[in-house]
Amino acid sequence: MALENEVIPEVLVSERAATVFKEACQAEGKNLEQSFLRIGAKPGGCSGWKYELEWNGPEDIHSEDLTIKSGEISVVVERECLTDILGPVKIDFTDKNLVEQGFVFEQLVNGHQCGCGESFTPVRDLKKSHS
């Protein structure tokens, strides 16, 4: 539930990432309607924070979480993590080669993301530097 006048950052799941998530659910015998792609972040990496991604079921959703629909995929993220740390983000999937493959994140704001795409500067720090 969004608070009045609260702007919720956009979360997009690319078509390729959605297909991979759907295929993974099917391969593991999980119902897509009962499957959630949870995104988050934890301190670490060369830019300050690292992305996290995991599968969640309905029992894993908490009151501090937001559920955002992107196409057929339901994304779950803790409200404060999305608004203060992640900001608007796109989830994609790459399979450039055997070593570099998997889900990747792209910040949809002009922030600092490391070259490997695994860590980033939180949006709350971007707001301070542009004030």
N, C-alpha and C. Protein backbone atom coordinates (compact mmCIF):
# COMPACT_ATOMS: atom_id res chain seq x y z
N MET A 1 0.84 -1.18 0.00
CA MET A 1 0.00 0.00 0.00
C MET A 1 0.89 1.24 0.00
N ALA A 2 0.68 2.10 -0.96
CA ALA A 2 1.49 3.32 -1.07
C ALA A 2 0.94 4.39 -0.13
N LEU A 3 1.83 5.18 0.42
CA LEU A 3 1.43 6.29 1.27
C LEU A 3 0.96 7.43 0.36
N GLU A 4 0.09 8.29 0.89
CA GLU A 4 -0.43 9.40 0.10
C GLU A 4 0.72 10.27 -0.39
N ASN A 5 0.68 10.63 -1.66
CA ASN A 5 1.69 11.47 -2.32
C ASN A 5 3.06 10.82 -2.44
N GLU A 6 3.17 9.53 -2.10
CA GLU A 6 4.46 8.85 -2.22
C GLU A 6 4.70 8.44 -3.67
N VAL A 7 5.88 8.73 -4.16
CA VAL A 7 6.26 8.32 -5.50
C VAL A 7 7.04 7.03 -5.38
N ILE A 8 6.51 5.98 -5.99
CA ILE A 8 7.17 4.68 -5.94
C ILE A 8 8.09 4.56 -7.16
N PRO A 9 9.39 4.33 -6.94
CA PRO A 9 10.31 4.17 -8.07
C PRO A 9 9.88 3.02 -8.98
N GLU A 10 10.11 3.19 -10.26
CA GLU A 10 9.74 2.20 -11.26
C GLU A 10 10.65 0.97 -11.18
N VAL A 11 10.05 -0.21 -11.33
CA VAL A 11 10.80 -1.46 -11.41
C VAL A 11 10.35 -2.15 -12.69
N LEU A 12 11.28 -2.34 -13.61
CA LEU A 12 10.98 -2.98 -14.89
C LEU A 12 11.68 -4.33 -14.98
N VAL A 13 11.01 -5.31 -15.54
CA VAL A 13 11.61 -6.61 -15.82
C VAL A 13 11.62 -6.76 -17.34
N SER A 14 12.80 -6.92 -17.91
CA SER A 14 12.88 -7.05 -19.36
C SER A 14 12.18 -8.34 -19.81
N GLU A 15 11.85 -8.37 -21.08
CA GLU A 15 11.20 -9.56 -21.64
C GLU A 15 12.08 -10.80 -21.46
N ARG A 16 13.38 -10.64 -21.68
CA ARG A 16 14.31 -11.77 -21.54
C ARG A 16 14.37 -12.25 -20.09
N ALA A 17 14.44 -11.34 -19.12
CA ALA A 17 14.48 -11.70 -17.71
C ALA A 17 13.18 -12.38 -17.30
N ALA A 18 12.06 -11.87 -17.80
CA ALA A 18 10.75 -12.47 -17.49
C ALA A 18 10.69 -13.90 -18.01
N THR A 19 11.16 -14.11 -19.23
CA THR A 19 11.15 -15.45 -19.82
C THR A 19 11.99 -16.41 -19.00
N VAL A 20 13.17 -15.99 -18.59
CA VAL A 20 14.06 -16.84 -17.79
C VAL A 20 13.42 -17.17 -16.44
N PHE A 21 12.79 -16.17 -15.80
CA PHE A 21 12.14 -16.40 -14.52
C PHE A 21 10.97 -17.38 -14.68
N LYS A 22 10.16 -17.19 -15.72
CA LYS A 22 9.03 -18.10 -15.97
C LYS A 22 9.52 -19.52 -16.22
N GLU A 23 10.59 -19.66 -17.02
CA GLU A 23 11.15 -20.99 -17.31
C GLU A 23 11.70 -21.64 -16.04
N ALA A 24 12.33 -20.85 -15.17
CA ALA A 24 12.87 -21.38 -13.92
C ALA A 24 11.73 -21.86 -13.01
N CYS A 25 10.66 -21.09 -12.93
CA CYS A 25 9.49 -21.50 -12.13
C CYS A 25 8.92 -22.81 -12.65
N GLN A 26 8.77 -22.89 -13.97
CA GLN A 26 8.23 -24.09 -14.59
C GLN A 26 9.14 -25.30 -14.33
N ALA A 27 10.45 -25.12 -14.48
CA ALA A 27 11.41 -26.20 -14.28
C ALA A 27 11.39 -26.71 -12.84
N GLU A 28 11.10 -25.82 -11.90
CA GLU A 28 11.08 -26.20 -10.48
C GLU A 28 9.68 -26.53 -9.99
N GLY A 29 8.70 -26.55 -10.92
CA GLY A 29 7.33 -26.91 -10.57
C GLY A 29 6.63 -25.88 -9.71
N LYS A 30 7.02 -24.60 -9.87
CA LYS A 30 6.41 -23.53 -9.09
C LYS A 30 5.39 -22.78 -9.94
N ASN A 31 4.26 -22.45 -9.35
CA ASN A 31 3.19 -21.72 -10.01
C ASN A 31 3.61 -20.26 -10.17
N LEU A 32 3.54 -19.74 -11.40
CA LEU A 32 3.99 -18.37 -11.66
C LEU A 32 3.18 -17.35 -10.86
N GLU A 33 1.87 -17.59 -10.69
CA GLU A 33 1.04 -16.65 -9.94
C GLU A 33 1.41 -16.62 -8.46
N GLN A 34 2.06 -17.65 -7.97
CA GLN A 34 2.47 -17.73 -6.57
C GLN A 34 3.98 -17.53 -6.42
N SER A 35 4.62 -17.01 -7.47
CA SER A 35 6.07 -16.81 -7.49
C SER A 35 6.38 -15.32 -7.61
N PHE A 36 7.31 -14.88 -6.80
CA PHE A 36 7.70 -13.47 -6.77
C PHE A 36 9.21 -13.37 -6.91
N LEU A 37 9.64 -12.40 -7.69
CA LEU A 37 11.06 -12.11 -7.86
C LEU A 37 11.39 -11.03 -6.84
N ARG A 38 12.12 -11.41 -5.77
CA ARG A 38 12.46 -10.43 -4.73
C ARG A 38 13.79 -9.78 -5.08
N ILE A 39 13.78 -8.44 -5.06
CA ILE A 39 15.02 -7.70 -5.25
C ILE A 39 15.36 -6.97 -3.97
N GLY A 40 16.63 -6.72 -3.78
CA GLY A 40 17.09 -6.01 -2.60
C GLY A 40 18.53 -5.58 -2.78
N ALA A 41 19.13 -5.14 -1.69
CA ALA A 41 20.50 -4.68 -1.73
C ALA A 41 21.13 -4.85 -0.36
N LYS A 42 22.44 -5.04 -0.36
CA LYS A 42 23.18 -5.10 0.90
C LYS A 42 24.50 -4.36 0.70
N PRO A 43 25.07 -3.84 1.79
CA PRO A 43 26.35 -3.14 1.67
C PRO A 43 27.42 -4.06 1.08
N GLY A 44 28.24 -3.49 0.18
CA GLY A 44 29.34 -4.25 -0.40
C GLY A 44 29.61 -3.80 -1.82
N GLY A 45 30.59 -4.41 -2.44
CA GLY A 45 30.94 -4.09 -3.82
C GLY A 45 31.75 -2.82 -3.92
N CYS A 46 32.27 -2.57 -5.11
CA CYS A 46 33.17 -1.43 -5.31
C CYS A 46 32.44 -0.08 -5.33
N SER A 47 31.11 -0.08 -5.47
CA SER A 47 30.37 1.19 -5.48
C SER A 47 29.55 1.42 -4.22
N GLY A 48 29.67 0.52 -3.23
CA GLY A 48 29.00 0.74 -1.95
C GLY A 48 27.90 -0.25 -1.62
N TRP A 49 27.09 -0.66 -2.62
CA TRP A 49 25.98 -1.58 -2.38
C TRP A 49 25.94 -2.63 -3.49
N LYS A 50 25.49 -3.82 -3.13
CA LYS A 50 25.35 -4.91 -4.09
C LYS A 50 23.89 -5.31 -4.20
N TYR A 51 23.49 -5.64 -5.41
CA TYR A 51 22.12 -6.10 -5.66
C TYR A 51 21.92 -7.51 -5.11
N GLU A 52 20.69 -7.80 -4.72
CA GLU A 52 20.29 -9.14 -4.31
C GLU A 52 19.05 -9.52 -5.11
N LEU A 53 18.93 -10.81 -5.40
CA LEU A 53 17.80 -11.31 -6.16
C LEU A 53 17.50 -12.72 -5.70
N GLU A 54 16.22 -13.03 -5.45
CA GLU A 54 15.85 -14.39 -5.05
C GLU A 54 14.39 -14.65 -5.37
N TRP A 55 14.01 -15.93 -5.36
CA TRP A 55 12.62 -16.33 -5.55
C TRP A 55 11.92 -16.28 -4.20
N ASN A 56 10.69 -15.80 -4.17
CA ASN A 56 9.86 -15.80 -2.97
C ASN A 56 8.49 -16.36 -3.29
N GLY A 57 7.87 -16.97 -2.28
CA GLY A 57 6.48 -17.40 -2.36
C GLY A 57 5.62 -16.44 -1.55
N PRO A 58 4.30 -16.60 -1.58
CA PRO A 58 3.40 -15.69 -0.86
C PRO A 58 3.71 -15.60 0.63
N GLU A 59 4.19 -16.68 1.22
CA GLU A 59 4.50 -16.68 2.65
C GLU A 59 5.71 -15.80 2.99
N ASP A 60 6.47 -15.39 1.98
CA ASP A 60 7.66 -14.58 2.20
C ASP A 60 7.38 -13.07 2.12
N ILE A 61 6.14 -12.68 1.82
CA ILE A 61 5.79 -11.27 1.67
C ILE A 61 5.44 -10.70 3.05
N HIS A 62 6.01 -9.54 3.37
CA HIS A 62 5.81 -8.92 4.68
C HIS A 62 5.15 -7.55 4.52
N SER A 63 4.69 -6.99 5.63
CA SER A 63 3.97 -5.71 5.59
C SER A 63 4.83 -4.56 5.07
N GLU A 64 6.15 -4.63 5.23
CA GLU A 64 7.02 -3.54 4.75
C GLU A 64 7.37 -3.69 3.27
N ASP A 65 6.85 -4.74 2.62
CA ASP A 65 7.15 -5.00 1.22
C ASP A 65 6.15 -4.34 0.28
N LEU A 66 6.64 -4.00 -0.90
CA LEU A 66 5.79 -3.57 -2.01
C LEU A 66 5.79 -4.69 -3.04
N THR A 67 4.66 -4.92 -3.66
CA THR A 67 4.58 -5.87 -4.77
C THR A 67 4.28 -5.05 -6.01
N ILE A 68 5.17 -5.17 -6.99
CA ILE A 68 5.07 -4.38 -8.22
C ILE A 68 4.97 -5.36 -9.38
N LYS A 69 3.99 -5.14 -10.24
CA LYS A 69 3.79 -6.01 -11.40
C LYS A 69 4.54 -5.41 -12.58
N SER A 70 5.35 -6.23 -13.25
CA SER A 70 6.02 -5.83 -14.48
C SER A 70 5.71 -6.90 -15.51
N GLY A 71 4.78 -6.63 -16.39
CA GLY A 71 4.32 -7.65 -17.32
C GLY A 71 3.65 -8.77 -16.53
N GLU A 72 4.09 -9.99 -16.74
CA GLU A 72 3.53 -11.14 -16.03
C GLU A 72 4.25 -11.43 -14.71
N ILE A 73 5.32 -10.70 -14.44
CA ILE A 73 6.16 -10.99 -13.28
C ILE A 73 5.82 -10.07 -12.12
N SER A 74 5.69 -10.66 -10.93
CA SER A 74 5.48 -9.88 -9.71
C SER A 74 6.82 -9.73 -9.00
N VAL A 75 7.21 -8.49 -8.76
CA VAL A 75 8.46 -8.19 -8.09
C VAL A 75 8.12 -7.72 -6.68
N VAL A 76 8.86 -8.24 -5.70
CA VAL A 76 8.68 -7.83 -4.31
C VAL A 76 9.96 -7.14 -3.86
N VAL A 77 9.78 -6.04 -3.14
CA VAL A 77 10.93 -5.30 -2.63
C VAL A 77 10.49 -4.58 -1.35
N GLU A 78 11.38 -4.52 -0.40
CA GLU A 78 11.09 -3.77 0.82
C GLU A 78 10.98 -2.29 0.44
N ARG A 79 9.92 -1.64 0.91
CA ARG A 79 9.62 -0.25 0.55
C ARG A 79 10.83 0.67 0.74
N GLU A 80 11.45 0.65 1.91
CA GLU A 80 12.57 1.55 2.19
C GLU A 80 13.76 1.25 1.29
N CYS A 81 14.00 -0.01 1.01
CA CYS A 81 15.10 -0.39 0.12
C CYS A 81 14.88 0.20 -1.27
N LEU A 82 13.65 0.12 -1.77
CA LEU A 82 13.36 0.64 -3.10
C LEU A 82 13.47 2.16 -3.14
N THR A 83 12.89 2.84 -2.16
CA THR A 83 12.85 4.31 -2.21
C THR A 83 14.17 4.97 -1.83
N ASP A 84 14.94 4.36 -0.90
CA ASP A 84 16.16 5.00 -0.41
C ASP A 84 17.45 4.45 -1.01
N ILE A 85 17.42 3.21 -1.45
CA ILE A 85 18.67 2.58 -1.91
C ILE A 85 18.64 2.25 -3.40
N LEU A 86 17.67 1.46 -3.83
CA LEU A 86 17.64 1.02 -5.23
C LEU A 86 17.21 2.11 -6.20
N GLY A 87 16.10 2.76 -5.91
CA GLY A 87 15.54 3.71 -6.86
C GLY A 87 15.00 2.99 -8.08
N PRO A 88 14.66 3.72 -9.13
CA PRO A 88 14.14 3.10 -10.35
C PRO A 88 15.18 2.14 -10.93
N VAL A 89 14.74 0.93 -11.26
CA VAL A 89 15.70 -0.08 -11.70
C VAL A 89 15.07 -1.00 -12.74
N LYS A 90 15.92 -1.49 -13.64
CA LYS A 90 15.51 -2.47 -14.65
C LYS A 90 16.26 -3.76 -14.38
N ILE A 91 15.52 -4.87 -14.41
CA ILE A 91 16.12 -6.19 -14.24
C ILE A 91 16.17 -6.83 -15.62
N ASP A 92 17.33 -7.26 -16.02
CA ASP A 92 17.52 -7.88 -17.33
C ASP A 92 18.23 -9.21 -17.14
N PHE A 93 18.43 -9.92 -18.22
CA PHE A 93 19.18 -11.18 -18.18
C PHE A 93 20.16 -11.15 -19.33
N THR A 94 21.39 -11.50 -19.03
CA THR A 94 22.42 -11.55 -20.07
C THR A 94 23.03 -12.93 -20.14
N ASP A 95 23.38 -13.32 -21.34
CA ASP A 95 24.11 -14.58 -21.53
C ASP A 95 25.21 -14.35 -22.57
N LYS A 96 25.98 -13.26 -22.30
CA LYS A 96 27.08 -12.86 -23.19
C LYS A 96 28.03 -14.03 -23.47
N ASN A 97 28.37 -14.76 -22.41
CA ASN A 97 29.24 -15.92 -22.56
C ASN A 97 29.00 -16.83 -21.35
N LEU A 98 29.70 -17.95 -21.29
CA LEU A 98 29.48 -18.91 -20.21
C LEU A 98 29.84 -18.37 -18.83
N VAL A 99 30.79 -17.45 -18.77
CA VAL A 99 31.21 -16.91 -17.48
C VAL A 99 30.28 -15.79 -17.02
N GLU A 100 29.94 -14.89 -17.93
CA GLU A 100 29.11 -13.74 -17.59
C GLU A 100 27.68 -13.96 -18.06
N GLN A 101 26.91 -14.65 -17.22
CA GLN A 101 25.51 -14.83 -17.54
C GLN A 101 24.68 -14.78 -16.27
N GLY A 102 23.46 -14.33 -16.41
CA GLY A 102 22.57 -14.24 -15.27
C GLY A 102 21.80 -12.94 -15.26
N PHE A 103 21.05 -12.73 -14.19
CA PHE A 103 20.27 -11.51 -14.04
C PHE A 103 21.20 -10.34 -13.75
N VAL A 104 20.92 -9.21 -14.39
CA VAL A 104 21.69 -8.00 -14.19
C VAL A 104 20.73 -6.84 -13.93
N PHE A 105 21.23 -5.82 -13.26
CA PHE A 105 20.43 -4.65 -12.91
C PHE A 105 20.97 -3.43 -13.63
N GLU A 106 20.06 -2.54 -13.97
CA GLU A 106 20.45 -1.27 -14.58
C GLU A 106 19.70 -0.16 -13.85
N GLN A 107 20.46 0.77 -13.27
CA GLN A 107 19.82 1.91 -12.60
C GLN A 107 19.18 2.79 -13.66
N LEU A 108 17.95 3.23 -13.39
CA LEU A 108 17.24 4.08 -14.34
C LEU A 108 17.36 5.55 -13.98
N VAL A 109 18.25 5.86 -13.05
CA VAL A 109 18.58 7.25 -12.72
C VAL A 109 20.06 7.43 -13.01
N ASN A 110 20.48 8.66 -13.08
CA ASN A 110 21.88 8.93 -13.37
C ASN A 110 22.71 8.77 -12.11
N GLY A 111 23.10 7.52 -11.83
CA GLY A 111 23.88 7.24 -10.64
C GLY A 111 25.19 6.58 -11.00
N HIS A 112 25.88 6.09 -10.00
CA HIS A 112 27.15 5.41 -10.23
C HIS A 112 26.95 3.92 -10.06
N GLN A 113 27.21 3.21 -11.13
CA GLN A 113 27.15 1.75 -11.12
C GLN A 113 28.51 1.27 -11.59
N CYS A 114 29.04 0.25 -10.92
CA CYS A 114 30.38 -0.21 -11.28
C CYS A 114 30.35 -0.87 -12.66
N GLY A 115 31.51 -1.06 -13.23
CA GLY A 115 31.62 -1.64 -14.57
C GLY A 115 31.06 -3.04 -14.68
N CYS A 116 31.13 -3.82 -13.60
CA CYS A 116 30.62 -5.20 -13.65
C CYS A 116 29.11 -5.23 -13.47
N GLY A 117 28.47 -4.12 -13.07
CA GLY A 117 27.03 -4.06 -12.92
C GLY A 117 26.50 -4.75 -11.68
N GLU A 118 27.39 -5.10 -10.76
CA GLU A 118 26.96 -5.81 -9.56
C GLU A 118 26.83 -4.90 -8.34
N SER A 119 27.36 -3.69 -8.41
CA SER A 119 27.23 -2.78 -7.27
C SER A 119 26.93 -1.37 -7.77
N PHE A 120 26.47 -0.52 -6.84
CA PHE A 120 25.95 0.79 -7.23
C PHE A 120 25.96 1.73 -6.04
N THR A 121 25.74 3.02 -6.33
CA THR A 121 25.58 4.05 -5.31
C THR A 121 24.10 4.17 -4.99
N PRO A 122 23.69 4.14 -3.72
CA PRO A 122 22.27 4.25 -3.39
C PRO A 122 21.69 5.60 -3.78
N VAL A 123 20.39 5.61 -4.14
CA VAL A 123 19.76 6.85 -4.57
C VAL A 123 19.73 7.90 -3.47
N ARG A 124 19.69 7.50 -2.20
CA ARG A 124 19.69 8.51 -1.11
C ARG A 124 20.98 9.31 -1.14
N ASP A 125 22.11 8.69 -1.53
CA ASP A 125 23.38 9.41 -1.63
C ASP A 125 23.41 10.30 -2.88
N LEU A 126 22.71 9.88 -3.92
CA LEU A 126 22.64 10.71 -5.14
C LEU A 126 21.86 11.98 -4.84
N LYS A 127 20.78 11.86 -4.04
CA LYS A 127 19.96 13.03 -3.68
C LYS A 127 20.77 14.05 -2.91
N LYS A 128 21.65 13.57 -2.00
CA LYS A 128 22.48 14.48 -1.21
C LYS A 128 23.48 15.23 -2.07
N SER A 129 24.07 14.53 -3.04
CA SER A 129 25.10 15.17 -3.86
C SER A 129 24.50 16.14 -4.89
N HIS A 130 23.18 16.05 -5.15
CA HIS A 130 22.55 16.96 -6.10
C HIS A 130 21.74 18.06 -5.42
N SER A 131 21.80 18.13 -4.09
CA SER A 131 21.01 19.14 -3.35
C SER A 131 21.68 20.49 -3.40
